Amino acid sequence: MIFRQTKLKGAYIIEPEPFQDERGLFARTFCRREFEKIGHAKEFVQFNHSHTVQKGTIRGLHYQLPPHSEIKLIRCVRGGVYDMIVDLRPHSPTFLEYIGIELTDKNMRTIYVPEGFAHGFQTLEKDTDLIYHHTAYYAPEAESGLRFDDPKIGIEWPLPPSVLSEKDKNYPDFAEALLEIEW
């Protein structure tokens, strides 16, 4: 695996190094020893699978508040998404900056999302599936989010939104309360 540090400290794009022959291919998607080299020490405790039907759908931007904040490892196993992360760590030099990356079943990339980041994506194809690994259990009381079109963040999505949940549409504008969170 090749770990590429992004401009957001602690966030990585992970590219597999597949072995291919006449049978097809094989690639590692996780190796504790290799993840330890980037400082990852937490155990993944929950795996989730999302299936999104329509192209252009936006899910997110979601995060869990401390003490339930989590590291996420996200990979697309069918279709494609424009995956987006936003740095919510008030003391970070990249506070409120974001990056977007295409994750597809063909490029096999994974994104490593540290604690203190919001995460969301927009589907680039219909019938898209993602696999998520989390270092914290889902805690509904800690769930929060940023609105996909929050003017303070200014995300440029690649497609016009086709489907959004009511919850994702109705998150408030950036809350100054985020400045008080210790990730």
N, C-alpha and C. Protein backbone atom coordinates (compact mmCIF):
# COMPACT_ATOMS: atom_id res chain seq x y z
N MET A 1 0.84 -1.18 0.00
CA MET A 1 0.00 0.00 0.00
C MET A 1 0.88 1.23 0.00
N ILE A 2 0.41 2.24 -0.70
CA ILE A 2 1.12 3.52 -0.75
C ILE A 2 0.26 4.54 -0.01
N PHE A 3 0.83 5.18 1.02
CA PHE A 3 0.14 6.20 1.80
C PHE A 3 0.57 7.56 1.30
N ARG A 4 -0.38 8.35 0.85
CA ARG A 4 -0.09 9.71 0.37
C ARG A 4 -0.71 10.71 1.33
N GLN A 5 0.14 11.46 2.04
CA GLN A 5 -0.33 12.49 2.96
C GLN A 5 -1.01 13.58 2.14
N THR A 6 -2.18 14.02 2.57
CA THR A 6 -2.87 15.12 1.88
C THR A 6 -2.43 16.44 2.50
N LYS A 7 -2.96 17.54 2.00
CA LYS A 7 -2.64 18.85 2.58
C LYS A 7 -3.25 19.00 3.97
N LEU A 8 -4.18 18.11 4.35
CA LEU A 8 -4.82 18.15 5.66
C LEU A 8 -4.09 17.16 6.57
N LYS A 9 -3.38 17.68 7.56
CA LYS A 9 -2.52 16.85 8.41
C LYS A 9 -3.29 15.68 9.01
N GLY A 10 -2.73 14.48 8.83
CA GLY A 10 -3.32 13.27 9.37
C GLY A 10 -4.26 12.55 8.42
N ALA A 11 -4.64 13.19 7.33
CA ALA A 11 -5.52 12.57 6.33
C ALA A 11 -4.66 11.99 5.20
N TYR A 12 -4.97 10.75 4.82
CA TYR A 12 -4.18 10.07 3.80
C TYR A 12 -5.06 9.49 2.71
N ILE A 13 -4.53 9.48 1.52
CA ILE A 13 -5.10 8.70 0.42
C ILE A 13 -4.23 7.45 0.34
N ILE A 14 -4.87 6.31 0.35
CA ILE A 14 -4.14 5.05 0.34
C ILE A 14 -4.41 4.34 -0.99
N GLU A 15 -3.35 4.03 -1.69
CA GLU A 15 -3.46 3.36 -2.98
C GLU A 15 -2.92 1.94 -2.84
N PRO A 16 -3.68 0.98 -3.32
CA PRO A 16 -3.21 -0.41 -3.24
C PRO A 16 -2.10 -0.66 -4.25
N GLU A 17 -1.39 -1.73 -4.04
CA GLU A 17 -0.40 -2.21 -4.99
C GLU A 17 -0.84 -3.61 -5.40
N PRO A 18 -1.81 -3.68 -6.31
CA PRO A 18 -2.38 -5.00 -6.64
C PRO A 18 -1.40 -5.90 -7.39
N PHE A 19 -1.53 -7.18 -7.08
CA PHE A 19 -0.83 -8.23 -7.82
C PHE A 19 -1.84 -8.77 -8.82
N GLN A 20 -1.44 -8.80 -10.10
CA GLN A 20 -2.34 -9.29 -11.14
C GLN A 20 -1.71 -10.43 -11.90
N ASP A 21 -2.56 -11.39 -12.23
CA ASP A 21 -2.16 -12.47 -13.13
C ASP A 21 -3.40 -12.93 -13.89
N GLU A 22 -3.31 -14.09 -14.53
CA GLU A 22 -4.43 -14.57 -15.36
C GLU A 22 -5.71 -14.81 -14.55
N ARG A 23 -5.61 -14.96 -13.25
CA ARG A 23 -6.78 -15.21 -12.41
C ARG A 23 -7.54 -13.93 -12.09
N GLY A 24 -6.85 -12.78 -12.15
CA GLY A 24 -7.44 -11.51 -11.73
C GLY A 24 -6.44 -10.73 -10.91
N LEU A 25 -6.90 -10.18 -9.78
CA LEU A 25 -5.97 -9.42 -8.96
C LEU A 25 -6.19 -9.67 -7.48
N PHE A 26 -5.18 -9.29 -6.71
CA PHE A 26 -5.22 -9.39 -5.26
C PHE A 26 -4.55 -8.13 -4.72
N ALA A 27 -5.17 -7.49 -3.72
CA ALA A 27 -4.58 -6.31 -3.11
C ALA A 27 -4.93 -6.26 -1.63
N ARG A 28 -3.96 -5.88 -0.83
CA ARG A 28 -4.23 -5.67 0.60
C ARG A 28 -4.93 -4.32 0.76
N THR A 29 -5.90 -4.27 1.65
CA THR A 29 -6.58 -3.01 1.94
C THR A 29 -6.32 -2.55 3.37
N PHE A 30 -5.76 -3.41 4.19
CA PHE A 30 -5.38 -3.03 5.55
C PHE A 30 -4.25 -3.92 6.03
N CYS A 31 -3.27 -3.30 6.68
CA CYS A 31 -2.19 -4.03 7.34
C CYS A 31 -1.82 -3.20 8.57
N ARG A 32 -2.04 -3.76 9.73
CA ARG A 32 -1.79 -3.03 10.98
C ARG A 32 -0.38 -2.45 11.02
N ARG A 33 0.61 -3.22 10.62
CA ARG A 33 2.00 -2.73 10.66
C ARG A 33 2.19 -1.49 9.79
N GLU A 34 1.61 -1.50 8.60
CA GLU A 34 1.77 -0.36 7.72
C GLU A 34 1.00 0.86 8.24
N PHE A 35 -0.17 0.63 8.83
CA PHE A 35 -0.94 1.74 9.40
C PHE A 35 -0.24 2.31 10.63
N GLU A 36 0.46 1.49 11.38
CA GLU A 36 1.22 1.98 12.55
C GLU A 36 2.28 2.99 12.11
N LYS A 37 2.81 2.84 10.90
CA LYS A 37 3.84 3.76 10.40
C LYS A 37 3.31 5.18 10.22
N ILE A 38 1.99 5.35 10.05
CA ILE A 38 1.41 6.69 9.94
C ILE A 38 0.83 7.15 11.28
N GLY A 39 1.08 6.37 12.32
CA GLY A 39 0.62 6.74 13.64
C GLY A 39 -0.73 6.19 14.04
N HIS A 40 -1.29 5.32 13.23
CA HIS A 40 -2.60 4.74 13.56
C HIS A 40 -2.41 3.64 14.60
N ALA A 41 -3.11 3.81 15.75
CA ALA A 41 -2.99 2.81 16.82
C ALA A 41 -4.34 2.30 17.29
N LYS A 42 -5.42 2.92 16.87
CA LYS A 42 -6.74 2.52 17.35
C LYS A 42 -7.26 1.30 16.59
N GLU A 43 -8.13 0.57 17.26
CA GLU A 43 -8.76 -0.59 16.65
C GLU A 43 -10.02 -0.16 15.89
N PHE A 44 -10.24 -0.75 14.74
CA PHE A 44 -11.50 -0.54 14.03
C PHE A 44 -12.55 -1.43 14.69
N VAL A 45 -13.66 -0.83 15.16
CA VAL A 45 -14.65 -1.56 15.93
C VAL A 45 -15.99 -1.74 15.22
N GLN A 46 -16.18 -1.04 14.11
CA GLN A 46 -17.46 -1.14 13.40
C GLN A 46 -17.21 -0.97 11.91
N PHE A 47 -17.81 -1.83 11.10
CA PHE A 47 -17.74 -1.74 9.65
C PHE A 47 -19.15 -1.48 9.14
N ASN A 48 -19.27 -0.57 8.17
CA ASN A 48 -20.57 -0.25 7.59
C ASN A 48 -20.50 -0.31 6.07
N HIS A 49 -21.64 -0.52 5.46
CA HIS A 49 -21.76 -0.59 4.01
C HIS A 49 -22.90 0.34 3.61
N SER A 50 -22.64 1.26 2.69
CA SER A 50 -23.72 2.10 2.17
C SER A 50 -23.92 1.80 0.69
N HIS A 51 -25.17 1.79 0.29
CA HIS A 51 -25.55 1.63 -1.12
C HIS A 51 -26.37 2.86 -1.48
N THR A 52 -25.97 3.53 -2.54
CA THR A 52 -26.68 4.73 -3.01
C THR A 52 -27.16 4.48 -4.42
N VAL A 53 -28.44 4.71 -4.64
CA VAL A 53 -29.08 4.35 -5.89
C VAL A 53 -28.82 5.37 -7.01
N GLN A 54 -28.99 6.65 -6.72
CA GLN A 54 -28.96 7.65 -7.79
C GLN A 54 -27.63 8.38 -7.90
N LYS A 55 -27.21 8.64 -9.13
CA LYS A 55 -26.06 9.48 -9.42
C LYS A 55 -26.37 10.90 -8.94
N GLY A 56 -25.38 11.56 -8.36
CA GLY A 56 -25.56 12.94 -7.90
C GLY A 56 -26.02 13.07 -6.46
N THR A 57 -26.34 11.95 -5.82
CA THR A 57 -26.77 11.97 -4.42
C THR A 57 -25.62 12.44 -3.53
N ILE A 58 -25.95 13.29 -2.57
CA ILE A 58 -24.96 13.73 -1.58
C ILE A 58 -25.35 13.15 -0.23
N ARG A 59 -24.38 12.53 0.44
CA ARG A 59 -24.54 12.06 1.81
C ARG A 59 -23.50 12.80 2.65
N GLY A 60 -23.97 13.44 3.70
CA GLY A 60 -23.04 14.13 4.59
C GLY A 60 -23.21 15.62 4.50
N LEU A 61 -22.42 16.27 5.22
CA LEU A 61 -21.13 15.99 5.81
C LEU A 61 -21.31 15.64 7.28
N HIS A 62 -20.89 14.45 7.69
CA HIS A 62 -21.18 13.92 9.02
C HIS A 62 -19.92 13.81 9.87
N TYR A 63 -20.13 13.88 11.18
CA TYR A 63 -19.07 13.60 12.15
C TYR A 63 -19.73 13.27 13.49
N GLN A 64 -18.94 12.67 14.38
CA GLN A 64 -19.39 12.41 15.75
C GLN A 64 -18.55 13.27 16.69
N LEU A 65 -19.23 13.87 17.65
CA LEU A 65 -18.58 14.72 18.63
C LEU A 65 -17.82 13.89 19.66
N PRO A 66 -16.73 14.46 20.21
CA PRO A 66 -16.04 13.77 21.30
C PRO A 66 -16.99 13.57 22.48
N PRO A 67 -16.85 12.52 23.22
CA PRO A 67 -15.77 11.54 23.20
C PRO A 67 -16.01 10.40 22.21
N HIS A 68 -16.94 10.56 21.29
CA HIS A 68 -17.27 9.50 20.32
C HIS A 68 -16.68 9.77 18.94
N SER A 69 -15.75 10.73 18.85
CA SER A 69 -15.15 11.01 17.54
C SER A 69 -14.43 9.76 17.05
N GLU A 70 -14.26 9.68 15.75
CA GLU A 70 -13.79 8.44 15.15
C GLU A 70 -12.85 8.69 14.00
N ILE A 71 -11.99 7.73 13.78
CA ILE A 71 -11.21 7.66 12.55
C ILE A 71 -12.02 6.80 11.60
N LYS A 72 -12.05 7.21 10.33
CA LYS A 72 -12.77 6.42 9.33
C LYS A 72 -11.80 6.02 8.21
N LEU A 73 -12.02 4.84 7.71
CA LEU A 73 -11.31 4.32 6.54
C LEU A 73 -12.40 3.99 5.54
N ILE A 74 -12.39 4.64 4.36
CA ILE A 74 -13.52 4.54 3.44
C ILE A 74 -13.02 4.11 2.06
N ARG A 75 -13.72 3.13 1.50
CA ARG A 75 -13.35 2.58 0.19
C ARG A 75 -14.61 2.32 -0.63
N CYS A 76 -14.54 2.63 -1.92
CA CYS A 76 -15.65 2.38 -2.84
C CYS A 76 -15.45 0.99 -3.46
N VAL A 77 -16.47 0.15 -3.36
CA VAL A 77 -16.36 -1.20 -3.90
C VAL A 77 -17.23 -1.42 -5.13
N ARG A 78 -18.11 -0.44 -5.43
CA ARG A 78 -18.88 -0.48 -6.68
C ARG A 78 -19.24 0.94 -7.05
N GLY A 79 -19.03 1.29 -8.32
CA GLY A 79 -19.38 2.62 -8.79
C GLY A 79 -18.29 3.63 -8.50
N GLY A 80 -18.72 4.86 -8.14
CA GLY A 80 -17.75 5.91 -7.88
C GLY A 80 -18.36 7.06 -7.11
N VAL A 81 -17.53 7.71 -6.30
CA VAL A 81 -17.95 8.88 -5.54
C VAL A 81 -16.88 9.95 -5.59
N TYR A 82 -17.32 11.18 -5.34
CA TYR A 82 -16.41 12.28 -5.04
C TYR A 82 -16.47 12.41 -3.53
N ASP A 83 -15.44 11.94 -2.86
CA ASP A 83 -15.42 11.87 -1.41
C ASP A 83 -14.81 13.16 -0.87
N MET A 84 -15.42 13.69 0.20
CA MET A 84 -15.06 15.01 0.70
C MET A 84 -14.81 14.94 2.20
N ILE A 85 -13.70 15.55 2.65
CA ILE A 85 -13.46 15.67 4.09
C ILE A 85 -13.13 17.13 4.40
N VAL A 86 -13.58 17.58 5.60
CA VAL A 86 -13.38 18.96 6.05
C VAL A 86 -12.72 18.91 7.42
N ASP A 87 -11.64 19.66 7.59
CA ASP A 87 -10.91 19.72 8.86
C ASP A 87 -11.69 20.61 9.83
N LEU A 88 -12.17 20.03 10.93
CA LEU A 88 -12.93 20.77 11.94
C LEU A 88 -12.11 21.04 13.21
N ARG A 89 -10.83 20.80 13.16
CA ARG A 89 -9.98 20.98 14.35
C ARG A 89 -9.58 22.45 14.46
N PRO A 90 -10.14 23.18 15.44
CA PRO A 90 -9.93 24.64 15.53
C PRO A 90 -8.47 25.07 15.61
N HIS A 91 -7.59 24.24 16.16
CA HIS A 91 -6.19 24.63 16.30
C HIS A 91 -5.32 24.15 15.13
N SER A 92 -5.94 23.56 14.14
CA SER A 92 -5.21 23.07 12.97
C SER A 92 -4.95 24.22 11.99
N PRO A 93 -3.78 24.24 11.35
CA PRO A 93 -3.52 25.28 10.34
C PRO A 93 -4.43 25.15 9.12
N THR A 94 -5.09 23.99 8.97
CA THR A 94 -5.99 23.81 7.82
C THR A 94 -7.47 23.77 8.27
N PHE A 95 -7.76 24.40 9.43
CA PHE A 95 -9.12 24.47 9.95
C PHE A 95 -10.08 24.98 8.87
N LEU A 96 -11.16 24.25 8.65
CA LEU A 96 -12.23 24.52 7.69
C LEU A 96 -11.80 24.36 6.23
N GLU A 97 -10.60 23.86 5.98
CA GLU A 97 -10.22 23.53 4.62
C GLU A 97 -10.71 22.12 4.31
N TYR A 98 -10.86 21.85 3.02
CA TYR A 98 -11.37 20.54 2.62
C TYR A 98 -10.58 20.01 1.43
N ILE A 99 -10.70 18.71 1.24
CA ILE A 99 -10.20 18.08 0.02
C ILE A 99 -11.29 17.14 -0.50
N GLY A 100 -11.29 16.96 -1.80
CA GLY A 100 -12.15 15.99 -2.44
C GLY A 100 -11.30 15.04 -3.26
N ILE A 101 -11.71 13.80 -3.30
CA ILE A 101 -10.98 12.78 -4.04
C ILE A 101 -11.97 11.80 -4.63
N GLU A 102 -11.69 11.36 -5.85
CA GLU A 102 -12.52 10.32 -6.45
C GLU A 102 -12.12 8.96 -5.91
N LEU A 103 -13.10 8.27 -5.38
CA LEU A 103 -12.94 6.88 -4.97
C LEU A 103 -13.82 6.06 -5.90
N THR A 104 -13.23 5.09 -6.58
CA THR A 104 -14.01 4.25 -7.49
C THR A 104 -13.63 2.79 -7.30
N ASP A 105 -14.49 1.93 -7.79
CA ASP A 105 -14.16 0.51 -7.73
C ASP A 105 -12.95 0.20 -8.61
N LYS A 106 -12.67 1.03 -9.58
CA LYS A 106 -11.55 0.79 -10.48
C LYS A 106 -10.22 1.29 -9.92
N ASN A 107 -10.21 2.49 -9.31
CA ASN A 107 -8.93 2.98 -8.78
C ASN A 107 -8.59 2.38 -7.42
N MET A 108 -9.56 1.79 -6.74
CA MET A 108 -9.37 1.05 -5.49
C MET A 108 -8.75 1.89 -4.37
N ARG A 109 -8.80 3.21 -4.49
CA ARG A 109 -8.25 4.07 -3.45
C ARG A 109 -9.10 3.99 -2.18
N THR A 110 -8.44 4.30 -1.07
CA THR A 110 -9.09 4.40 0.23
C THR A 110 -8.71 5.75 0.81
N ILE A 111 -9.61 6.35 1.56
CA ILE A 111 -9.27 7.58 2.26
C ILE A 111 -9.28 7.32 3.76
N TYR A 112 -8.24 7.81 4.42
CA TYR A 112 -8.08 7.71 5.87
C TYR A 112 -8.47 9.05 6.45
N VAL A 113 -9.55 9.07 7.22
CA VAL A 113 -10.11 10.30 7.76
C VAL A 113 -9.86 10.34 9.26
N PRO A 114 -9.02 11.27 9.74
CA PRO A 114 -8.72 11.33 11.17
C PRO A 114 -9.90 11.85 11.99
N GLU A 115 -9.79 11.72 13.31
CA GLU A 115 -10.76 12.34 14.20
C GLU A 115 -10.74 13.85 13.98
N GLY A 116 -11.91 14.47 14.12
CA GLY A 116 -11.98 15.91 13.97
C GLY A 116 -12.25 16.36 12.55
N PHE A 117 -12.74 15.45 11.72
CA PHE A 117 -13.08 15.78 10.34
C PHE A 117 -14.54 15.45 10.07
N ALA A 118 -15.18 16.27 9.25
CA ALA A 118 -16.50 15.93 8.71
C ALA A 118 -16.26 15.17 7.41
N HIS A 119 -17.17 14.25 7.10
CA HIS A 119 -17.03 13.43 5.90
C HIS A 119 -18.36 13.38 5.15
N GLY A 120 -18.27 13.42 3.84
CA GLY A 120 -19.43 13.24 2.99
C GLY A 120 -18.98 12.84 1.60
N PHE A 121 -19.95 12.54 0.74
CA PHE A 121 -19.60 12.20 -0.63
C PHE A 121 -20.78 12.47 -1.56
N GLN A 122 -20.45 12.57 -2.84
CA GLN A 122 -21.47 12.66 -3.90
C GLN A 122 -21.21 11.52 -4.87
N THR A 123 -22.29 10.80 -5.20
CA THR A 123 -22.14 9.68 -6.13
C THR A 123 -21.92 10.19 -7.55
N LEU A 124 -20.97 9.57 -8.23
CA LEU A 124 -20.66 9.89 -9.63
C LEU A 124 -21.31 8.89 -10.58
N GLU A 125 -21.81 7.80 -10.01
CA GLU A 125 -22.48 6.75 -10.78
C GLU A 125 -23.68 6.27 -9.98
N LYS A 126 -24.65 5.71 -10.68
CA LYS A 126 -25.77 5.11 -9.95
C LYS A 126 -25.32 3.79 -9.36
N ASP A 127 -26.07 3.32 -8.37
CA ASP A 127 -25.78 2.05 -7.69
C ASP A 127 -24.32 1.96 -7.24
N THR A 128 -23.99 2.84 -6.32
CA THR A 128 -22.63 2.93 -5.78
C THR A 128 -22.60 2.40 -4.35
N ASP A 129 -21.54 1.63 -4.03
CA ASP A 129 -21.39 1.04 -2.70
C ASP A 129 -20.07 1.45 -2.08
N LEU A 130 -20.13 1.83 -0.79
CA LEU A 130 -18.95 2.16 -0.01
C LEU A 130 -18.88 1.25 1.20
N ILE A 131 -17.65 0.95 1.62
CA ILE A 131 -17.38 0.23 2.86
C ILE A 131 -16.65 1.20 3.77
N TYR A 132 -17.13 1.32 5.01
CA TYR A 132 -16.53 2.19 6.01
C TYR A 132 -16.01 1.34 7.17
N HIS A 133 -14.86 1.70 7.69
CA HIS A 133 -14.33 1.13 8.93
C HIS A 133 -14.26 2.28 9.94
N HIS A 134 -14.71 2.04 11.16
CA HIS A 134 -14.78 3.09 12.19
C HIS A 134 -14.04 2.65 13.44
N THR A 135 -13.40 3.61 14.12
CA THR A 135 -12.72 3.31 15.38
C THR A 135 -13.60 3.61 16.60
N ALA A 136 -14.82 4.05 16.38
CA ALA A 136 -15.78 4.29 17.48
C ALA A 136 -17.13 3.76 17.03
N TYR A 137 -17.89 3.31 18.01
CA TYR A 137 -19.24 2.84 17.72
C TYR A 137 -20.14 4.03 17.42
N TYR A 138 -21.14 3.81 16.59
CA TYR A 138 -22.11 4.85 16.31
C TYR A 138 -22.81 5.27 17.60
N ALA A 139 -22.83 6.57 17.85
CA ALA A 139 -23.46 7.13 19.04
C ALA A 139 -24.44 8.21 18.59
N PRO A 140 -25.75 7.90 18.51
CA PRO A 140 -26.70 8.87 18.00
C PRO A 140 -26.67 10.21 18.73
N GLU A 141 -26.38 10.19 20.02
CA GLU A 141 -26.34 11.44 20.78
C GLU A 141 -25.14 12.32 20.42
N ALA A 142 -24.14 11.75 19.75
CA ALA A 142 -22.94 12.49 19.36
C ALA A 142 -22.94 12.85 17.87
N GLU A 143 -23.95 12.41 17.15
CA GLU A 143 -24.01 12.63 15.70
C GLU A 143 -24.24 14.11 15.39
N SER A 144 -23.51 14.62 14.41
CA SER A 144 -23.69 15.99 13.97
C SER A 144 -23.25 16.11 12.52
N GLY A 145 -23.36 17.31 11.97
CA GLY A 145 -22.97 17.49 10.58
C GLY A 145 -22.91 18.93 10.16
N LEU A 146 -22.33 19.13 9.00
CA LEU A 146 -22.30 20.42 8.31
C LEU A 146 -23.20 20.30 7.09
N ARG A 147 -23.84 21.39 6.74
CA ARG A 147 -24.67 21.37 5.53
C ARG A 147 -23.75 21.30 4.30
N PHE A 148 -24.17 20.55 3.31
CA PHE A 148 -23.36 20.31 2.11
C PHE A 148 -23.00 21.60 1.38
N ASP A 149 -23.81 22.64 1.53
CA ASP A 149 -23.57 23.91 0.83
C ASP A 149 -23.30 25.05 1.81
N ASP A 150 -22.74 24.74 2.96
CA ASP A 150 -22.43 25.75 3.95
C ASP A 150 -21.52 26.82 3.33
N PRO A 151 -21.93 28.09 3.34
CA PRO A 151 -21.13 29.14 2.69
C PRO A 151 -19.77 29.37 3.34
N LYS A 152 -19.64 29.07 4.62
CA LYS A 152 -18.35 29.25 5.31
C LYS A 152 -17.32 28.25 4.79
N ILE A 153 -17.77 27.08 4.35
CA ILE A 153 -16.86 26.05 3.84
C ILE A 153 -16.66 26.23 2.33
N GLY A 154 -17.74 26.42 1.58
CA GLY A 154 -17.63 26.69 0.15
C GLY A 154 -17.26 25.51 -0.72
N ILE A 155 -17.77 24.33 -0.39
CA ILE A 155 -17.44 23.14 -1.17
C ILE A 155 -18.01 23.24 -2.59
N GLU A 156 -17.19 22.85 -3.54
CA GLU A 156 -17.61 22.78 -4.94
C GLU A 156 -17.82 21.31 -5.28
N TRP A 157 -19.07 20.90 -5.34
CA TRP A 157 -19.40 19.51 -5.70
C TRP A 157 -19.34 19.38 -7.22
N PRO A 158 -18.98 18.22 -7.73
CA PRO A 158 -18.82 18.07 -9.19
C PRO A 158 -20.14 18.06 -9.97
N LEU A 159 -21.25 17.67 -9.32
CA LEU A 159 -22.54 17.57 -10.01
C LEU A 159 -23.61 18.34 -9.23
N PRO A 160 -24.68 18.76 -9.90
CA PRO A 160 -25.79 19.32 -9.12
C PRO A 160 -26.36 18.21 -8.22
N PRO A 161 -26.71 18.54 -6.98
CA PRO A 161 -27.27 17.51 -6.09
C PRO A 161 -28.58 16.96 -6.63
N SER A 162 -28.73 15.62 -6.62
CA SER A 162 -29.98 15.03 -7.10
C SER A 162 -30.85 14.57 -5.94
N VAL A 163 -30.23 14.04 -4.88
CA VAL A 163 -30.97 13.55 -3.72
C VAL A 163 -30.17 13.92 -2.47
N LEU A 164 -30.89 14.40 -1.46
CA LEU A 164 -30.31 14.69 -0.14
C LEU A 164 -31.33 14.29 0.90
N SER A 165 -30.87 13.79 2.04
CA SER A 165 -31.81 13.49 3.12
C SER A 165 -32.28 14.82 3.73
N GLU A 166 -33.42 14.78 4.39
CA GLU A 166 -33.92 15.98 5.07
C GLU A 166 -32.92 16.44 6.12
N LYS A 167 -32.34 15.50 6.84
CA LYS A 167 -31.36 15.85 7.88
C LYS A 167 -30.17 16.58 7.26
N ASP A 168 -29.63 16.05 6.16
CA ASP A 168 -28.46 16.67 5.54
C ASP A 168 -28.79 18.04 4.95
N LYS A 169 -29.99 18.22 4.43
CA LYS A 169 -30.42 19.51 3.89
C LYS A 169 -30.55 20.57 4.98
N ASN A 170 -30.89 20.14 6.18
CA ASN A 170 -31.27 21.08 7.23
C ASN A 170 -30.25 21.29 8.32
N TYR A 171 -29.03 20.80 8.15
CA TYR A 171 -28.02 21.16 9.13
C TYR A 171 -27.87 22.68 9.10
N PRO A 172 -27.60 23.32 10.25
CA PRO A 172 -27.44 24.78 10.25
C PRO A 172 -26.12 25.19 9.60
N ASP A 173 -25.99 26.49 9.33
CA ASP A 173 -24.71 27.01 8.86
C ASP A 173 -23.65 26.72 9.92
N PHE A 174 -22.41 26.86 9.53
CA PHE A 174 -21.28 26.61 10.43
C PHE A 174 -21.57 27.20 11.81
N ALA A 175 -21.38 26.40 12.81
CA ALA A 175 -21.67 26.82 14.18
C ALA A 175 -20.37 27.22 14.88
N GLU A 176 -20.38 28.39 15.47
CA GLU A 176 -19.21 28.85 16.21
C GLU A 176 -18.87 27.90 17.35
N ALA A 177 -19.84 27.10 17.79
CA ALA A 177 -19.59 26.13 18.87
C ALA A 177 -18.49 25.14 18.47
N LEU A 178 -18.29 24.94 17.16
CA LEU A 178 -17.20 24.04 16.73
C LEU A 178 -15.84 24.55 17.20
N LEU A 179 -15.73 25.83 17.43
CA LEU A 179 -14.45 26.41 17.87
C LEU A 179 -14.07 25.95 19.28
N GLU A 180 -15.05 25.48 20.03
CA GLU A 180 -14.82 25.07 21.41
C GLU A 180 -14.49 23.59 21.56
N ILE A 181 -14.62 22.81 20.50
CA ILE A 181 -14.43 21.36 20.59
C ILE A 181 -12.95 21.03 20.67
N GLU A 182 -12.60 20.15 21.59
CA GLU A 182 -11.24 19.63 21.68
C GLU A 182 -11.24 18.22 21.09
N TRP A 183 -10.74 18.08 19.90
CA TRP A 183 -10.71 16.78 19.23
C TRP A 183 -9.58 15.99 19.82
